Amino acid sequence: METGMNPAIHEPTTMHKGVVKWFNKDLGYGFIQVSPSLKFELGLAPEADLYVHAADVVMPFPKMLVEGQRVRFGVTRAERGWRATQVEVLR
């Protein structure tokens, strides 16, 4: 019998918190400042920020973020590196 996770069982996504560094609504993307511990866990450089695309923002249209907003998000590996997913604005 194989050991390991059952592919039918999906653990909840770990959510992280950060602050929107900048977001360009015309281009539909921006960056989120994340904690040093998350940068270390993901292997990001200390000066790096996490990419976020408008398609990953969970809110009604227009899907845009504002500099300085506190957000909660998941993280996934994409072709070009790590990106924020399921981004929600914290109130």
PDB file of N, CA and C in Angstrom:
ATOM      1  N   MET A   1       0.844  -1.178   0.000  1.00  0.00           N
ATOM      2  CA  MET A   1       0.000   0.000   0.000  1.00  0.00           C
ATOM      3  C   MET A   1       0.884   1.233   0.000  1.00  0.00           C
ATOM      4  N   GLU A   2       0.552   2.199  -0.850  1.00  0.00           N
ATOM      5  CA  GLU A   2       1.333   3.427  -0.927  1.00  0.00           C
ATOM      6  C   GLU A   2       0.991   4.346   0.234  1.00  0.00           C
ATOM      7  N   THR A   3       2.011   5.014   0.703  1.00  0.00           N
ATOM      8  CA  THR A   3       1.769   6.009   1.735  1.00  0.00           C
ATOM      9  C   THR A   3       1.787   7.385   1.081  1.00  0.00           C
ATOM     10  N   GLY A   4       1.257   8.344   1.784  1.00  0.00           N
ATOM     11  CA  GLY A   4       1.222   9.702   1.234  1.00  0.00           C
ATOM     12  C   GLY A   4      -0.191  10.241   1.258  1.00  0.00           C
ATOM     13  N   MET A   5      -0.356  11.411   0.687  1.00  0.00           N
ATOM     14  CA  MET A   5      -1.659  12.057   0.697  1.00  0.00           C
ATOM     15  C   MET A   5      -2.583  11.426  -0.322  1.00  0.00           C
ATOM     16  N   ASN A   6      -3.816  11.318   0.037  1.00  0.00           N
ATOM     17  CA  ASN A   6      -4.851  10.877  -0.882  1.00  0.00           C
ATOM     18  C   ASN A   6      -5.125  12.035  -1.842  1.00  0.00           C
ATOM     19  N   PRO A   7      -4.999  11.837  -3.159  1.00  0.00           N
ATOM     20  CA  PRO A   7      -5.196  12.937  -4.095  1.00  0.00           C
ATOM     21  C   PRO A   7      -6.599  13.521  -4.054  1.00  0.00           C
ATOM     22  N   ALA A   8      -7.564  12.783  -3.501  1.00  0.00           N
ATOM     23  CA  ALA A   8      -8.927  13.293  -3.422  1.00  0.00           C
ATOM     24  C   ALA A   8      -9.111  14.251  -2.251  1.00  0.00           C
ATOM     25  N   ILE A   9      -8.141  14.277  -1.335  1.00  0.00           N
ATOM     26  CA  ILE A   9      -8.237  15.154  -0.167  1.00  0.00           C
ATOM     27  C   ILE A   9      -7.359  16.376  -0.399  1.00  0.00           C
ATOM     28  N   HIS A  10      -7.966  17.543  -0.305  1.00  0.00           N
ATOM     29  CA  HIS A  10      -7.223  18.782  -0.498  1.00  0.00           C
ATOM     30  C   HIS A  10      -7.185  19.550   0.815  1.00  0.00           C
ATOM     31  N   GLU A  11      -5.992  19.783   1.320  1.00  0.00           N
ATOM     32  CA  GLU A  11      -5.862  20.561   2.542  1.00  0.00           C
ATOM     33  C   GLU A  11      -6.183  22.010   2.234  1.00  0.00           C
ATOM     34  N   PRO A  12      -6.707  22.765   3.208  1.00  0.00           N
ATOM     35  CA  PRO A  12      -6.990  24.175   2.961  1.00  0.00           C
ATOM     36  C   PRO A  12      -5.702  24.933   2.630  1.00  0.00           C
ATOM     37  N   THR A  13      -5.835  25.899   1.772  1.00  0.00           N
ATOM     38  CA  THR A  13      -4.690  26.717   1.385  1.00  0.00           C
ATOM     39  C   THR A  13      -4.250  27.561   2.575  1.00  0.00           C
ATOM     40  N   THR A  14      -2.964  27.631   2.806  1.00  0.00           N
ATOM     41  CA  THR A  14      -2.438  28.497   3.849  1.00  0.00           C
ATOM     42  C   THR A  14      -2.563  29.929   3.381  1.00  0.00           C
ATOM     43  N   MET A  15      -3.128  30.775   4.212  1.00  0.00           N
ATOM     44  CA  MET A  15      -3.299  32.180   3.863  1.00  0.00           C
ATOM     45  C   MET A  15      -2.253  33.018   4.593  1.00  0.00           C
ATOM     46  N   HIS A  16      -1.743  34.010   3.898  1.00  0.00           N
ATOM     47  CA  HIS A  16      -0.726  34.898   4.438  1.00  0.00           C
ATOM     48  C   HIS A  16      -1.255  36.322   4.408  1.00  0.00           C
ATOM     49  N   LYS A  17      -0.576  37.222   5.101  1.00  0.00           N
ATOM     50  CA  LYS A  17      -0.976  38.631   5.097  1.00  0.00           C
ATOM     51  C   LYS A  17       0.168  39.477   4.570  1.00  0.00           C
ATOM     52  N   GLY A  18      -0.180  40.584   3.939  1.00  0.00           N
ATOM     53  CA  GLY A  18       0.815  41.493   3.410  1.00  0.00           C
ATOM     54  C   GLY A  18       0.184  42.844   3.130  1.00  0.00           C
ATOM     55  N   VAL A  19       0.967  43.714   2.498  1.00  0.00           N
ATOM     56  CA  VAL A  19       0.529  45.070   2.176  1.00  0.00           C
ATOM     57  C   VAL A  19       0.796  45.313   0.697  1.00  0.00           C
ATOM     58  N   VAL A  20      -0.175  45.904   0.009  1.00  0.00           N
ATOM     59  CA  VAL A  20      -0.002  46.204  -1.411  1.00  0.00           C
ATOM     60  C   VAL A  20       1.092  47.268  -1.565  1.00  0.00           C
ATOM     61  N   LYS A  21       2.139  46.925  -2.304  1.00  0.00           N
ATOM     62  CA  LYS A  21       3.223  47.880  -2.559  1.00  0.00           C
ATOM     63  C   LYS A  21       2.799  48.841  -3.659  1.00  0.00           C
ATOM     64  N   TRP A  22       2.326  48.279  -4.769  1.00  0.00           N
ATOM     65  CA  TRP A  22       1.728  49.080  -5.846  1.00  0.00           C
ATOM     66  C   TRP A  22       0.898  48.176  -6.725  1.00  0.00           C
ATOM     67  N   PHE A  23      -0.064  48.781  -7.413  1.00  0.00           N
ATOM     68  CA  PHE A  23      -0.929  48.039  -8.311  1.00  0.00           C
ATOM     69  C   PHE A  23      -1.349  48.965  -9.438  1.00  0.00           C
ATOM     70  N   ASN A  24      -1.120  48.527 -10.676  1.00  0.00           N
ATOM     71  CA  ASN A  24      -1.470  49.325 -11.846  1.00  0.00           C
ATOM     72  C   ASN A  24      -2.776  48.782 -12.419  1.00  0.00           C
ATOM     73  N   LYS A  25      -3.865  49.535 -12.235  1.00  0.00           N
ATOM     74  CA  LYS A  25      -5.174  49.040 -12.687  1.00  0.00           C
ATOM     75  C   LYS A  25      -5.255  48.918 -14.198  1.00  0.00           C
ATOM     76  N   ASP A  26      -4.512  49.754 -14.945  1.00  0.00           N
ATOM     77  CA  ASP A  26      -4.539  49.680 -16.403  1.00  0.00           C
ATOM     78  C   ASP A  26      -3.850  48.419 -16.920  1.00  0.00           C
ATOM     79  N   LEU A  27      -2.758  48.040 -16.277  1.00  0.00           N
ATOM     80  CA  LEU A  27      -2.032  46.831 -16.674  1.00  0.00           C
ATOM     81  C   LEU A  27      -2.591  45.580 -15.996  1.00  0.00           C
ATOM     82  N   GLY A  28      -3.285  45.768 -14.867  1.00  0.00           N
ATOM     83  CA  GLY A  28      -3.915  44.646 -14.185  1.00  0.00           C
ATOM     84  C   GLY A  28      -2.995  43.812 -13.323  1.00  0.00           C
ATOM     85  N   TYR A  29      -1.907  44.412 -12.849  1.00  0.00           N
ATOM     86  CA  TYR A  29      -1.030  43.665 -11.947  1.00  0.00           C
ATOM     87  C   TYR A  29      -0.291  44.608 -11.009  1.00  0.00           C
ATOM     88  N   GLY A  30       0.343  44.013 -10.009  1.00  0.00           N
ATOM     89  CA  GLY A  30       1.121  44.784  -9.045  1.00  0.00           C
ATOM     90  C   GLY A  30       1.915  43.848  -8.157  1.00  0.00           C
ATOM     91  N   PHE A  31       2.308  44.374  -7.000  1.00  0.00           N
ATOM     92  CA  PHE A  31       3.139  43.598  -6.079  1.00  0.00           C
ATOM     93  C   PHE A  31       2.697  43.808  -4.640  1.00  0.00           C
ATOM     94  N   ILE A  32       2.869  42.749  -3.845  1.00  0.00           N
ATOM     95  CA  ILE A  32       2.523  42.762  -2.430  1.00  0.00           C
ATOM     96  C   ILE A  32       3.800  42.590  -1.615  1.00  0.00           C
ATOM     97  N   GLN A  33       3.953  43.438  -0.598  1.00  0.00           N
ATOM     98  CA  GLN A  33       5.070  43.279   0.335  1.00  0.00           C
ATOM     99  C   GLN A  33       4.690  42.171   1.304  1.00  0.00           C
ATOM    100  N   VAL A  34       5.599  41.233   1.484  1.00  0.00           N
ATOM    101  CA  VAL A  34       5.335  40.093   2.365  1.00  0.00           C
ATOM    102  C   VAL A  34       6.374  40.048   3.478  1.00  0.00           C
ATOM    103  N   SER A  35       6.123  39.214   4.471  1.00  0.00           N
ATOM    104  CA  SER A  35       7.023  39.101   5.620  1.00  0.00           C
ATOM    105  C   SER A  35       8.358  38.479   5.221  1.00  0.00           C
ATOM    106  N   PRO A  36       9.418  38.805   5.955  1.00  0.00           N
ATOM    107  CA  PRO A  36      10.718  38.189   5.691  1.00  0.00           C
ATOM    108  C   PRO A  36      10.664  36.662   5.803  1.00  0.00           C
ATOM    109  N   SER A  37       9.851  36.138   6.724  1.00  0.00           N
ATOM    110  CA  SER A  37       9.782  34.680   6.885  1.00  0.00           C
ATOM    111  C   SER A  37       9.157  34.018   5.654  1.00  0.00           C
ATOM    112  N   LEU A  38       8.150  34.656   5.039  1.00  0.00           N
ATOM    113  CA  LEU A  38       7.560  34.098   3.821  1.00  0.00           C
ATOM    114  C   LEU A  38       8.547  34.190   2.662  1.00  0.00           C
ATOM    115  N   LYS A  39       9.280  35.295   2.575  1.00  0.00           N
ATOM    116  CA  LYS A  39      10.303  35.419   1.528  1.00  0.00           C
ATOM    117  C   LYS A  39      11.323  34.293   1.648  1.00  0.00           C
ATOM    118  N   PHE A  40      11.740  34.013   2.877  1.00  0.00           N
ATOM    119  CA  PHE A  40      12.709  32.940   3.112  1.00  0.00           C
ATOM    120  C   PHE A  40      12.125  31.593   2.697  1.00  0.00           C
ATOM    121  N   GLU A  41      10.875  31.342   3.116  1.00  0.00           N
ATOM    122  CA  GLU A  41      10.208  30.072   2.803  1.00  0.00           C
ATOM    123  C   GLU A  41      10.094  29.858   1.294  1.00  0.00           C
ATOM    124  N   LEU A  42       9.836  30.938   0.546  1.00  0.00           N
ATOM    125  CA  LEU A  42       9.679  30.838  -0.905  1.00  0.00           C
ATOM    126  C   LEU A  42      11.000  30.953  -1.661  1.00  0.00           C
ATOM    127  N   GLY A  43      12.058  31.307  -0.953  1.00  0.00           N
ATOM    128  CA  GLY A  43      13.353  31.470  -1.605  1.00  0.00           C
ATOM    129  C   GLY A  43      13.469  32.781  -2.366  1.00  0.00           C
ATOM    130  N   LEU A  44      12.709  33.795  -1.939  1.00  0.00           N
ATOM    131  CA  LEU A  44      12.776  35.111  -2.574  1.00  0.00           C
ATOM    132  C   LEU A  44      13.921  35.927  -1.997  1.00  0.00           C
ATOM    133  N   ALA A  45      14.456  36.805  -2.802  1.00  0.00           N
ATOM    134  CA  ALA A  45      15.495  37.722  -2.324  1.00  0.00           C
ATOM    135  C   ALA A  45      14.876  38.667  -1.295  1.00  0.00           C
ATOM    136  N   PRO A  46      15.677  39.163  -0.344  1.00  0.00           N
ATOM    137  CA  PRO A  46      15.142  40.057   0.699  1.00  0.00           C
ATOM    138  C   PRO A  46      14.425  41.288   0.147  1.00  0.00           C
ATOM    139  N   GLU A  47      14.859  41.778  -1.011  1.00  0.00           N
ATOM    140  CA  GLU A  47      14.238  42.978  -1.584  1.00  0.00           C
ATOM    141  C   GLU A  47      13.052  42.662  -2.498  1.00  0.00           C
ATOM    142  N   ALA A  48      12.748  41.382  -2.708  1.00  0.00           N
ATOM    143  CA  ALA A  48      11.684  40.973  -3.636  1.00  0.00           C
ATOM    144  C   ALA A  48      10.301  41.135  -3.018  1.00  0.00           C
ATOM    145  N   ASP A  49       9.316  41.335  -3.890  1.00  0.00           N
ATOM    146  CA  ASP A  49       7.914  41.394  -3.496  1.00  0.00           C
ATOM    147  C   ASP A  49       7.162  40.328  -4.286  1.00  0.00           C
ATOM    148  N   LEU A  50       5.933  40.043  -3.888  1.00  0.00           N
ATOM    149  CA  LEU A  50       5.150  38.978  -4.496  1.00  0.00           C
ATOM    150  C   LEU A  50       4.219  39.532  -5.575  1.00  0.00           C
ATOM    151  N   TYR A  51       4.278  38.957  -6.767  1.00  0.00           N
ATOM    152  CA  TYR A  51       3.467  39.370  -7.909  1.00  0.00           C
ATOM    153  C   TYR A  51       1.991  39.061  -7.647  1.00  0.00           C
ATOM    154  N   VAL A  52       1.115  39.970  -8.066  1.00  0.00           N
ATOM    155  CA  VAL A  52      -0.328  39.727  -8.000  1.00  0.00           C
ATOM    156  C   VAL A  52      -0.969  40.224  -9.288  1.00  0.00           C
ATOM    157  N   HIS A  53      -1.840  39.388  -9.872  1.00  0.00           N
ATOM    158  CA  HIS A  53      -2.579  39.747 -11.091  1.00  0.00           C
ATOM    159  C   HIS A  53      -4.029  40.018 -10.712  1.00  0.00           C
ATOM    160  N   ALA A  54      -4.673  40.913 -11.442  1.00  0.00           N
ATOM    161  CA  ALA A  54      -6.063  41.270 -11.164  1.00  0.00           C
ATOM    162  C   ALA A  54      -6.979  40.052 -11.142  1.00  0.00           C
ATOM    163  N   ALA A  55      -6.689  39.049 -11.954  1.00  0.00           N
ATOM    164  CA  ALA A  55      -7.522  37.840 -11.997  1.00  0.00           C
ATOM    165  C   ALA A  55      -7.505  37.084 -10.670  1.00  0.00           C
ATOM    166  N   ASP A  56      -6.500  37.331  -9.841  1.00  0.00           N
ATOM    167  CA  ASP A  56      -6.382  36.640  -8.556  1.00  0.00           C
ATOM    168  C   ASP A  56      -6.962  37.432  -7.397  1.00  0.00           C
ATOM    169  N   VAL A  57      -7.550  38.593  -7.689  1.00  0.00           N
ATOM    170  CA  VAL A  57      -8.158  39.420  -6.650  1.00  0.00           C
ATOM    171  C   VAL A  57      -9.616  39.002  -6.502  1.00  0.00           C
ATOM    172  N   VAL A  58     -10.007  38.677  -5.264  1.00  0.00           N
ATOM    173  CA  VAL A  58     -11.362  38.205  -4.986  1.00  0.00           C
ATOM    174  C   VAL A  58     -12.195  39.389  -4.510  1.00  0.00           C
ATOM    175  N   MET A  59     -12.874  40.028  -5.445  1.00  0.00           N
ATOM    176  CA  MET A  59     -13.774  41.134  -5.127  1.00  0.00           C
ATOM    177  C   MET A  59     -14.545  41.470  -6.392  1.00  0.00           C
ATOM    178  N   PRO A  60     -15.634  42.198  -6.242  1.00  0.00           N
ATOM    179  CA  PRO A  60     -16.378  42.589  -7.437  1.00  0.00           C
ATOM    180  C   PRO A  60     -15.552  43.522  -8.320  1.00  0.00           C
ATOM    181  N   PHE A  61     -15.959  43.632  -9.568  1.00  0.00           N
ATOM    182  CA  PHE A  61     -15.258  44.529 -10.494  1.00  0.00           C
ATOM    183  C   PHE A  61     -15.463  45.966 -10.055  1.00  0.00           C
ATOM    184  N   PRO A  62     -14.536  46.889 -10.284  1.00  0.00           N
ATOM    185  CA  PRO A  62     -13.254  46.613 -10.917  1.00  0.00           C
ATOM    186  C   PRO A  62     -12.311  45.940  -9.932  1.00  0.00           C
ATOM    187  N   LYS A  63     -11.573  44.947 -10.431  1.00  0.00           N
ATOM    188  CA  LYS A  63     -10.631  44.218  -9.576  1.00  0.00           C
ATOM    189  C   LYS A  63      -9.336  45.009  -9.503  1.00  0.00           C
ATOM    190  N   MET A  64      -9.229  45.848  -8.492  1.00  0.00           N
ATOM    191  CA  MET A  64      -8.005  46.623  -8.337  1.00  0.00           C
ATOM    192  C   MET A  64      -7.670  46.735  -6.866  1.00  0.00           C
ATOM    193  N   LEU A  65      -6.415  46.937  -6.622  1.00  0.00           N
ATOM    194  CA  LEU A  65      -5.912  47.131  -5.267  1.00  0.00           C
ATOM    195  C   LEU A  65      -5.324  48.522  -5.188  1.00  0.00           C
ATOM    196  N   VAL A  66      -5.149  49.007  -3.965  1.00  0.00           N
ATOM    197  CA  VAL A  66      -4.619  50.341  -3.741  1.00  0.00           C
ATOM    198  C   VAL A  66      -3.384  50.232  -2.853  1.00  0.00           C
ATOM    199  N   GLU A  67      -2.367  51.015  -3.181  1.00  0.00           N
ATOM    200  CA  GLU A  67      -1.139  51.029  -2.391  1.00  0.00           C
ATOM    201  C   GLU A  67      -1.461  51.212  -0.912  1.00  0.00           C
ATOM    202  N   GLY A  68      -0.836  50.363  -0.092  1.00  0.00           N
ATOM    203  CA  GLY A  68      -1.014  50.454   1.353  1.00  0.00           C
ATOM    204  C   GLY A  68      -2.138  49.592   1.913  1.00  0.00           C
ATOM    205  N   GLN A  69      -2.980  49.004   1.053  1.00  0.00           N
ATOM    206  CA  GLN A  69      -4.049  48.135   1.544  1.00  0.00           C
ATOM    207  C   GLN A  69      -3.462  46.880   2.163  1.00  0.00           C
ATOM    208  N   ARG A  70      -4.061  46.456   3.273  1.00  0.00           N
ATOM    209  CA  ARG A  70      -3.678  45.183   3.888  1.00  0.00           C
ATOM    210  C   ARG A  70      -4.490  44.097   3.204  1.00  0.00           C
ATOM    211  N   VAL A  71      -3.820  43.006   2.843  1.00  0.00           N
ATOM    212  CA  VAL A  71      -4.479  41.916   2.126  1.00  0.00           C
ATOM    213  C   VAL A  71      -4.129  40.562   2.729  1.00  0.00           C
ATOM    214  N   ARG A  72      -4.993  39.594   2.430  1.00  0.00           N
ATOM    215  CA  ARG A  72      -4.765  38.198   2.789  1.00  0.00           C
ATOM    216  C   ARG A  72      -4.737  37.430   1.475  1.00  0.00           C
ATOM    217  N   PHE A  73      -3.853  36.433   1.376  1.00  0.00           N
ATOM    218  CA  PHE A  73      -3.672  35.758   0.097  1.00  0.00           C
ATOM    219  C   PHE A  73      -3.057  34.381   0.277  1.00  0.00           C
ATOM    220  N   GLY A  74      -3.233  33.560  -0.750  1.00  0.00           N
ATOM    221  CA  GLY A  74      -2.541  32.293  -0.863  1.00  0.00           C
ATOM    222  C   GLY A  74      -1.358  32.495  -1.798  1.00  0.00           C
ATOM    223  N   VAL A  75      -0.523  31.496  -1.922  1.00  0.00           N
ATOM    224  CA  VAL A  75       0.658  31.595  -2.790  1.00  0.00           C
ATOM    225  C   VAL A  75       0.726  30.346  -3.662  1.00  0.00           C
ATOM    226  N   THR A  76       1.040  30.551  -4.923  1.00  0.00           N
ATOM    227  CA  THR A  76       1.206  29.417  -5.832  1.00  0.00           C
ATOM    228  C   THR A  76       2.416  29.654  -6.721  1.00  0.00           C
ATOM    229  N   ARG A  77       2.972  28.567  -7.210  1.00  0.00           N
ATOM    230  CA  ARG A  77       4.119  28.636  -8.114  1.00  0.00           C
ATOM    231  C   ARG A  77       3.591  28.718  -9.544  1.00  0.00           C
ATOM    232  N   ALA A  78       4.013  29.728 -10.283  1.00  0.00           N
ATOM    233  CA  ALA A  78       3.621  29.905 -11.673  1.00  0.00           C
ATOM    234  C   ALA A  78       4.849  29.711 -12.561  1.00  0.00           C
ATOM    235  N   GLU A  79       4.673  29.809 -13.865  1.00  0.00           N
ATOM    236  CA  GLU A  79       5.790  29.630 -14.799  1.00  0.00           C
ATOM    237  C   GLU A  79       6.956  30.562 -14.499  1.00  0.00           C
ATOM    238  N   ARG A  80       6.637  31.798 -14.171  1.00  0.00           N
ATOM    239  CA  ARG A  80       7.682  32.808 -13.974  1.00  0.00           C
ATOM    240  C   ARG A  80       8.050  33.024 -12.514  1.00  0.00           C
ATOM    241  N   GLY A  81       7.528  32.221 -11.626  1.00  0.00           N
ATOM    242  CA  GLY A  81       7.860  32.363 -10.205  1.00  0.00           C
ATOM    243  C   GLY A  81       6.607  32.370  -9.341  1.00  0.00           C
ATOM    244  N   TRP A  82       6.754  32.785  -8.108  1.00  0.00           N
ATOM    245  CA  TRP A  82       5.661  32.779  -7.144  1.00  0.00           C
ATOM    246  C   TRP A  82       4.688  33.912  -7.427  1.00  0.00           C
ATOM    247  N   ARG A  83       3.397  33.664  -7.122  1.00  0.00           N
ATOM    248  CA  ARG A  83       2.392  34.706  -7.274  1.00  0.00           C
ATOM    249  C   ARG A  83       1.324  34.555  -6.196  1.00  0.00           C
ATOM    250  N   ALA A  84       0.713  35.666  -5.860  1.00  0.00           N
ATOM    251  CA  ALA A  84      -0.375  35.663  -4.881  1.00  0.00           C
ATOM    252  C   ALA A  84      -1.655  35.186  -5.558  1.00  0.00           C
ATOM    253  N   THR A  85      -2.462  34.425  -4.829  1.00  0.00           N
ATOM    254  CA  THR A  85      -3.750  33.950  -5.329  1.00  0.00           C
ATOM    255  C   THR A  85      -4.817  34.219  -4.278  1.00  0.00           C
ATOM    256  N   GLN A  86      -6.076  34.198  -4.674  1.00  0.00           N
ATOM    257  CA  GLN A  86      -7.192  34.384  -3.760  1.00  0.00           C
ATOM    258  C   GLN A  86      -6.976  35.609  -2.862  1.00  0.00           C
ATOM    259  N   VAL A  87      -6.587  36.713  -3.472  1.00  0.00           N
ATOM    260  CA  VAL A  87      -6.251  37.928  -2.727  1.00  0.00           C
ATOM    261  C   VAL A  87      -7.523  38.621  -2.254  1.00  0.00           C
ATOM    262  N   GLU A  88      -7.614  38.852  -0.951  1.00  0.00           N
ATOM    263  CA  GLU A  88      -8.755  39.526  -0.350  1.00  0.00           C
ATOM    264  C   GLU A  88      -8.267  40.734   0.429  1.00  0.00           C
ATOM    265  N   VAL A  89      -8.988  41.840   0.319  1.00  0.00           N
ATOM    266  CA  VAL A  89      -8.651  43.044   1.073  1.00  0.00           C
ATOM    267  C   VAL A  89      -9.142  42.858   2.505  1.00  0.00           C
ATOM    268  N   LEU A  90      -8.283  43.163   3.469  1.00  0.00           N
ATOM    269  CA  LEU A  90      -8.662  43.102   4.877  1.00  0.00           C
ATOM    270  C   LEU A  90      -9.249  44.447   5.289  1.00  0.00           C
ATOM    271  N   ARG A  91     -10.283  44.407   6.038  1.00  0.00           N
ATOM    272  CA  ARG A  91     -10.935  45.660   6.478  1.00  0.00           C
ATOM    273  C   ARG A  91     -10.565  45.987   7.888  1.00  0.00           C
TER     274      ARG A  91
END
